[in-house]
């Protein structure tokens, strides 16, 4: 369990990380390619549909 005195440090760290990510450019974050779309569709649509069919 977190101790109460650790919480402000964690909040500051999280705020710094959020600020850093918001200030990053697209080049630093990378691009979303065709392979990324394929993986996204498979894991978000195809596999759940197969699981639903198998559960019937």
C-alpha atoms as a PDB file:
ATOM      1  CA  UNK A   1       0.000   0.000   0.000  1.00  0.00           C
ATOM      2  CA  UNK A   2       1.174   3.508  -0.690  1.00  0.00           C
ATOM      3  CA  UNK A   3       2.045   5.690   2.214  1.00  0.00           C
ATOM      4  CA  UNK A   4       0.500   9.147   2.377  1.00  0.00           C
ATOM      5  CA  UNK A   5       3.824  10.954   2.078  1.00  0.00           C
ATOM      6  CA  UNK A   6       4.612   9.148  -1.213  1.00  0.00           C
ATOM      7  CA  UNK A   7       1.453  10.376  -2.945  1.00  0.00           C
ATOM      8  CA  UNK A   8       2.572  13.994  -3.646  1.00  0.00           C
ATOM      9  CA  UNK A   9       5.817  12.701  -5.181  1.00  0.00           C
ATOM     10  CA  UNK A  10       3.885  10.320  -7.411  1.00  0.00           C
ATOM     11  CA  UNK A  11       1.498  13.072  -8.495  1.00  0.00           C
ATOM     12  CA  UNK A  12       4.408  15.364  -9.419  1.00  0.00           C
ATOM     13  CA  UNK A  13       6.085  12.565 -11.355  1.00  0.00           C
ATOM     14  CA  UNK A  14       2.880  11.800 -13.237  1.00  0.00           C
ATOM     15  CA  UNK A  15       2.332  15.480 -14.078  1.00  0.00           C
ATOM     16  CA  UNK A  16       5.906  15.742 -15.412  1.00  0.00           C
ATOM     17  CA  UNK A  17       5.403  12.661 -17.579  1.00  0.00           C
ATOM     18  CA  UNK A  18       2.105  13.985 -18.955  1.00  0.00           C
ATOM     19  CA  UNK A  19       3.691  17.357 -19.774  1.00  0.00           C
ATOM     20  CA  UNK A  20       6.616  15.636 -21.482  1.00  0.00           C
ATOM     21  CA  UNK A  21       4.298  13.498 -23.638  1.00  0.00           C
ATOM     22  CA  UNK A  22       2.103  16.471 -24.569  1.00  0.00           C
ATOM     23  CA  UNK A  23       5.152  18.396 -25.741  1.00  0.00           C
ATOM     24  CA  UNK A  24       6.500  15.549 -27.888  1.00  0.00           C
ATOM     25  CA  UNK A  25       6.273  15.852 -31.632  1.00  0.00           C
ATOM     26  CA  UNK A  26       4.783  13.234 -33.925  1.00  0.00           C
ATOM     27  CA  UNK A  27       8.257  12.143 -34.986  1.00  0.00           C
ATOM     28  CA  UNK A  28       9.181  11.223 -31.421  1.00  0.00           C
ATOM     29  CA  UNK A  29       5.978   9.252 -30.845  1.00  0.00           C
ATOM     30  CA  UNK A  30       6.259   7.308 -34.085  1.00  0.00           C
ATOM     31  CA  UNK A  31       3.865   6.639 -36.921  1.00  0.00           C
ATOM     32  CA  UNK A  32       0.787   4.422 -37.151  1.00  0.00           C
ATOM     33  CA  UNK A  33       1.409   2.022 -40.024  1.00  0.00           C
ATOM     34  CA  UNK A  34      -0.647  -0.518 -41.928  1.00  0.00           C
ATOM     35  CA  UNK A  35       0.715  -3.258 -39.665  1.00  0.00           C
ATOM     36  CA  UNK A  36      -0.538  -1.360 -36.622  1.00  0.00           C
ATOM     37  CA  UNK A  37      -4.040  -1.200 -38.139  1.00  0.00           C
ATOM     38  CA  UNK A  38      -4.001  -4.928 -38.897  1.00  0.00           C
ATOM     39  CA  UNK A  39      -2.961  -5.810 -35.352  1.00  0.00           C
ATOM     40  CA  UNK A  40      -5.571  -3.420 -33.928  1.00  0.00           C
ATOM     41  CA  UNK A  41      -8.391  -4.919 -35.994  1.00  0.00           C
ATOM     42  CA  UNK A  42      -7.383  -8.482 -35.165  1.00  0.00           C
ATOM     43  CA  UNK A  43      -7.170  -7.916 -31.413  1.00  0.00           C
ATOM     44  CA  UNK A  44     -10.114  -5.518 -31.107  1.00  0.00           C
ATOM     45  CA  UNK A  45     -12.612  -7.129 -33.502  1.00  0.00           C
ATOM     46  CA  UNK A  46     -11.664 -10.548 -34.848  1.00  0.00           C
ATOM     47  CA  UNK A  47     -10.526 -12.271 -31.641  1.00  0.00           C
ATOM     48  CA  UNK A  48     -13.496 -11.013 -29.557  1.00  0.00           C
ATOM     49  CA  UNK A  49     -15.915 -12.180 -32.289  1.00  0.00           C
ATOM     50  CA  UNK A  50     -14.292 -15.620 -32.337  1.00  0.00           C
ATOM     51  CA  UNK A  51     -14.496 -15.785 -28.532  1.00  0.00           C
ATOM     52  CA  UNK A  52     -18.201 -14.884 -28.616  1.00  0.00           C
ATOM     53  CA  UNK A  53     -18.903 -17.581 -31.207  1.00  0.00           C
ATOM     54  CA  UNK A  54     -16.993 -20.185 -29.196  1.00  0.00           C
ATOM     55  CA  UNK A  55     -18.872 -19.232 -26.040  1.00  0.00           C
ATOM     56  CA  UNK A  56     -22.241 -20.039 -27.597  1.00  0.00           C
END
